[in-house]
Protein backbone atom coordinates (compact mmCIF):
# COMPACT_ATOMS: atom_id res chain seq x y z
CA MET A 1 2.29 13.67 -104.72
CA ARG A 2 4.81 16.45 -104.16
CA ARG A 3 2.10 18.60 -102.53
CA THR A 4 1.09 15.74 -100.23
CA ARG A 5 4.71 15.16 -99.17
CA ALA A 6 5.22 18.89 -98.56
CA THR A 7 2.02 19.08 -96.55
CA SER A 8 3.03 16.09 -94.46
CA ALA A 9 6.47 17.55 -93.87
CA MET A 10 5.04 20.88 -92.86
CA ALA A 11 2.60 19.18 -90.47
CA ALA A 12 5.44 17.24 -88.93
CA LEU A 13 7.47 20.42 -88.45
CA LEU A 14 4.46 22.15 -86.89
CA LEU A 15 3.87 19.29 -84.45
CA ALA A 16 7.54 19.27 -83.54
CA ALA A 17 7.46 23.01 -82.89
CA VAL A 18 4.34 22.71 -80.74
CA GLY A 19 5.88 19.83 -78.77
CA ALA A 20 9.05 21.81 -78.19
CA ALA A 21 7.03 24.79 -77.03
CA ILE A 22 5.05 22.63 -74.64
CA ALA A 23 8.20 20.96 -73.30
CA GLY A 24 9.78 24.33 -72.71
CA CYS A 25 6.84 25.69 -70.70
CA PRO A 26 7.42 25.73 -66.93
CA LYS A 27 5.36 23.19 -65.01
CA LYS A 28 2.62 24.48 -62.76
CA PRO A 29 3.97 24.62 -59.18
CA PRO A 30 2.36 22.17 -56.75
CA ARG A 31 -0.50 23.59 -54.74
CA THR A 32 0.54 24.69 -51.26
CA PRO A 33 -1.46 22.73 -48.68
CA ALA A 34 -3.76 24.76 -46.49
CA PRO A 35 -2.37 25.42 -43.02
CA ALA A 36 -3.57 23.10 -40.30
CA PRO A 37 -6.31 24.58 -38.14
CA ALA A 38 -5.19 25.96 -34.79
CA PRO A 39 -5.84 23.59 -31.88
CA PRO A 40 -8.96 24.51 -29.93
CA GLN A 41 -8.30 26.67 -26.90
CA PRO A 42 -9.36 25.20 -23.56
CA PRO A 43 -12.54 26.82 -22.30
CA GLY A 44 -12.19 29.34 -19.53
CA PRO A 45 -13.86 29.11 -16.13
CA ILE A 46 -17.64 29.31 -15.97
CA ASP A 47 -19.83 31.45 -13.76
CA PRO A 48 -20.29 29.81 -10.34
CA GLY A 49 -24.04 30.14 -10.76
CA ALA A 50 -23.89 27.67 -13.66
CA CYS A 51 -21.70 25.11 -11.87
CA GLY A 52 -24.38 23.11 -10.11
CA ARG A 53 -22.00 21.45 -7.65
CA VAL A 54 -18.22 21.24 -7.31
CA LEU A 55 -17.08 17.62 -7.56
CA ARG A 56 -13.43 18.18 -6.65
CA ILE A 57 -11.13 21.07 -5.78
CA GLU A 58 -7.53 21.64 -6.78
CA VAL A 59 -5.48 24.34 -5.09
CA ARG A 60 -2.38 25.35 -7.06
CA LYS A 61 -0.05 27.38 -4.88
CA SER A 62 2.31 28.24 -7.73
CA GLU A 63 -0.60 29.75 -9.69
CA ARG A 64 -2.32 31.29 -6.66
CA LEU A 65 -5.50 29.61 -7.88
CA LEU A 66 -8.30 27.42 -6.60
CA ALA A 67 -10.10 25.48 -9.36
CA GLY A 68 -13.21 23.35 -8.93
CA ASP A 69 -14.58 20.83 -11.44
CA CYS A 70 -18.31 21.36 -11.90
CA GLU A 71 -21.01 18.71 -12.00
CA ALA A 72 -22.57 20.60 -14.93
CA GLY A 73 -19.29 20.58 -16.88
CA GLY A 74 -16.48 23.11 -16.97
CA TYR A 75 -14.86 24.53 -13.89
CA VAL A 76 -14.87 27.50 -11.57
CA ALA A 77 -11.68 29.33 -10.60
CA PHE A 78 -10.85 31.76 -7.83
CA PRO A 79 -7.63 33.66 -6.98
CA ILE A 80 -6.18 32.78 -3.57
CA ALA A 81 -3.97 34.25 -0.90
CA LEU A 82 -1.21 31.99 0.39
CA SER A 83 0.16 31.25 3.84
CA ARG A 84 2.79 33.47 5.44
CA GLU A 85 5.48 30.83 5.03
CA ALA A 86 6.23 28.75 1.93
CA GLY A 87 6.38 24.97 1.78
CA PRO A 88 4.11 22.20 3.12
CA LYS A 89 2.77 22.34 6.65
CA ARG A 90 4.70 20.18 9.11
CA VAL A 91 3.95 21.34 12.66
CA GLN A 92 1.56 23.46 14.67
CA GLY A 93 2.29 27.18 14.32
CA ASP A 94 4.60 27.01 11.29
CA HIS A 95 2.23 29.26 9.26
CA ARG A 96 2.42 26.93 6.26
CA MET A 97 -0.30 25.57 4.01
CA PRO A 98 -0.55 21.76 3.76
CA GLU A 99 0.14 19.90 0.52
CA GLY A 100 -1.55 16.65 -0.38
CA ASP A 101 -4.99 15.07 -0.68
CA TYR A 102 -7.76 16.06 1.71
CA ALA A 103 -11.54 16.44 1.76
CA ILE A 104 -14.14 18.93 2.91
CA ALA A 105 -14.77 17.91 6.52
CA GLY A 106 -17.98 19.71 7.41
CA PRO A 107 -20.42 22.53 6.70
CA PRO A 108 -19.33 26.16 6.38
CA GLN A 109 -18.93 28.11 9.61
CA THR A 110 -19.09 31.82 10.26
CA SER A 111 -15.71 33.27 11.18
CA ARG A 112 -13.72 36.49 11.31
CA PHE A 113 -12.76 35.60 7.73
CA HIS A 114 -16.44 35.76 6.72
CA LEU A 115 -16.93 32.00 6.21
CA PHE A 116 -14.72 29.01 6.96
CA VAL A 117 -15.00 25.60 5.21
CA PRO A 118 -12.92 23.00 7.10
CA ILE A 119 -10.77 20.29 5.51
CA ASP A 120 -9.66 17.04 7.17
CA TYR A 121 -6.03 17.95 7.85
CA PRO A 122 -3.89 16.13 8.97
CA SER A 123 -4.19 13.25 6.52
CA VAL A 124 -2.95 9.71 7.10
CA ALA A 125 -0.06 10.51 4.75
CA ASP A 126 0.81 13.52 6.93
CA ALA A 127 0.70 11.32 10.02
CA ASP A 128 2.84 8.58 8.47
CA ARG A 129 5.44 11.12 7.40
CA ALA A 130 5.44 12.76 10.82
CA LEU A 131 5.85 9.38 12.55
CA ALA A 132 8.79 8.51 10.30
CA GLU A 133 10.38 11.87 11.11
CA LYS A 134 9.65 11.42 14.87
CA ARG A 135 7.41 14.49 15.02
CA ILE A 136 4.56 12.42 16.51
CA ASP A 137 4.36 9.07 18.26
CA ARG A 138 2.64 5.87 17.15
CA GLU A 139 -0.43 6.51 19.31
CA THR A 140 -1.03 9.89 17.69
CA ARG A 141 -0.52 8.47 14.22
CA ASP A 142 -3.04 5.69 14.90
CA ALA A 143 -5.59 8.16 16.29
CA ILE A 144 -5.38 10.19 13.07
CA ALA A 145 -5.69 7.08 10.90
CA SER A 146 -8.61 5.75 12.95
CA ALA A 147 -10.51 9.02 12.60
CA HIS A 148 -10.11 8.97 8.84
CA ALA A 149 -11.19 5.32 8.66
CA ASP A 150 -14.37 6.21 10.59
CA GLY A 151 -15.10 9.32 8.51
CA ARG A 152 -14.43 11.65 11.44
CA MET A 153 -12.38 14.82 11.67
CA PRO A 154 -8.86 13.81 12.74
CA PRO A 155 -7.52 15.16 16.04
CA GLN A 156 -6.87 18.89 15.76
CA ASP A 157 -4.68 19.28 18.84
CA THR A 158 -1.61 17.25 17.83
CA ALA A 159 1.88 18.54 17.08
CA LEU A 160 0.87 18.68 13.40
CA GLY A 161 -1.65 21.46 14.01
CA GLY A 162 -5.22 21.78 12.82
CA ALA A 163 -8.09 24.15 12.02
CA ILE A 164 -7.10 24.19 8.34
CA GLY A 165 -9.61 25.01 5.63
CA ILE A 166 -10.75 27.46 3.00
CA HIS A 167 -12.00 30.85 4.12
CA GLY A 168 -12.75 34.36 2.95
CA GLU A 169 -10.90 37.60 3.62
CA GLY A 170 -13.06 39.24 6.26
CA VAL A 171 -12.72 42.91 7.07
CA ARG A 172 -9.04 42.87 8.04
CA TRP A 173 -7.71 41.35 4.80
CA HIS A 174 -10.32 42.54 2.32
CA GLY A 175 -8.71 43.05 -1.12
CA ASP A 176 -5.37 41.49 -0.10
CA LEU A 177 -5.35 38.23 -2.08
CA LEU A 178 -1.99 39.16 -3.62
CA LEU A 179 -0.35 38.97 -0.20
CA ASN A 180 0.77 35.89 1.76
CA TRP A 181 -1.05 36.34 5.05
CA THR A 182 -2.90 33.20 6.14
CA GLU A 183 -1.75 31.02 9.04
CA GLY A 184 -2.01 27.90 6.88
CA CYS A 185 -5.45 28.10 5.27
CA VAL A 186 -6.47 28.82 1.69
CA ALA A 187 -8.03 32.29 1.43
CA VAL A 188 -10.38 33.43 -1.32
CA SER A 189 -12.55 36.53 -1.63
CA ASP A 190 -15.68 36.77 0.51
CA SER A 191 -17.90 36.35 -2.54
CA ALA A 192 -15.88 33.29 -3.63
CA ILE A 193 -16.20 31.58 -0.24
CA GLU A 194 -19.96 32.16 -0.41
CA ASP A 195 -20.00 30.41 -3.79
CA LEU A 196 -17.81 27.54 -2.55
CA ALA A 197 -19.86 27.09 0.61
CA ARG A 198 -22.89 26.56 -1.61
CA LEU A 199 -21.15 24.34 -4.18
CA VAL A 200 -19.20 21.86 -2.02
CA ARG A 201 -20.36 19.03 0.20
CA ARG A 202 -18.80 17.12 3.06
CA GLY A 203 -16.36 14.68 1.43
CA THR A 204 -15.61 16.80 -1.64
CA PRO A 205 -11.95 15.96 -2.50
CA VAL A 206 -9.41 18.76 -2.08
CA ARG A 207 -5.94 18.43 -3.57
CA ILE A 208 -3.35 21.06 -2.60
CA LEU A 209 -0.38 21.28 -4.95
CA PRO A 210 2.91 23.19 -4.50
C-alpha cells in the first residue's frame, strides 16, 4: 500500500513537472504568409509584321508616341516628332498639331516626307469650336459638317487649315524625331510610315492627345 501511494505520488509529481515544462516552452511563431505575386507587366509592342491590321491609332504628344491597336492582338508603337509649336491647332499656318478624334481619310501618297497618310482634319468639333470663337462663319462650319456626314474629306482651304496627316521624315529630317519640326502633322520614321501605310485603312480612327 505504501509503495503504491509513493508510486502514485511520484507519477503525479512527474506529470506536473512535464506539464510545467511544456507550459514554459515558447509557442511556435505563426508562419509568415508568402508574399503576393507581382502583378503581370503589360506586354510591350509587337513587331509590325505580326500586327495584321491596325484598328485604331492613338497619338500621345506628351509621350512622343504613336500607338496602334492590332487586329491580331497587342499593339505597335512608333516614336514621333512633334509640330514646331505646342498646343492644339486652331488656324491655318499656326504650325500646331490638332488634338481630338479624326480618321484616316485616304490612301498613302508619296511626298517629300517619303509617304503621307491624310487624316480628316478639321473635324466637326473643330468647326463648332471655331464658329463659337468666330474664327469661321456658319457657312464654313456647315460645309465641314456636311463633308463628314457624307464621308468626304472636309474642305482644306478654310481658316482652320488642312493637309494634316501622318508622314515620314524624308531626306531633310532623317533621324530628327527628337526635334519639333512639323508644320502640324505627325511625323514618324520612314520605315514606320511604310508599316502604317500597309496597316491602316480609310476610316481607321485616329485620336490625338495632348
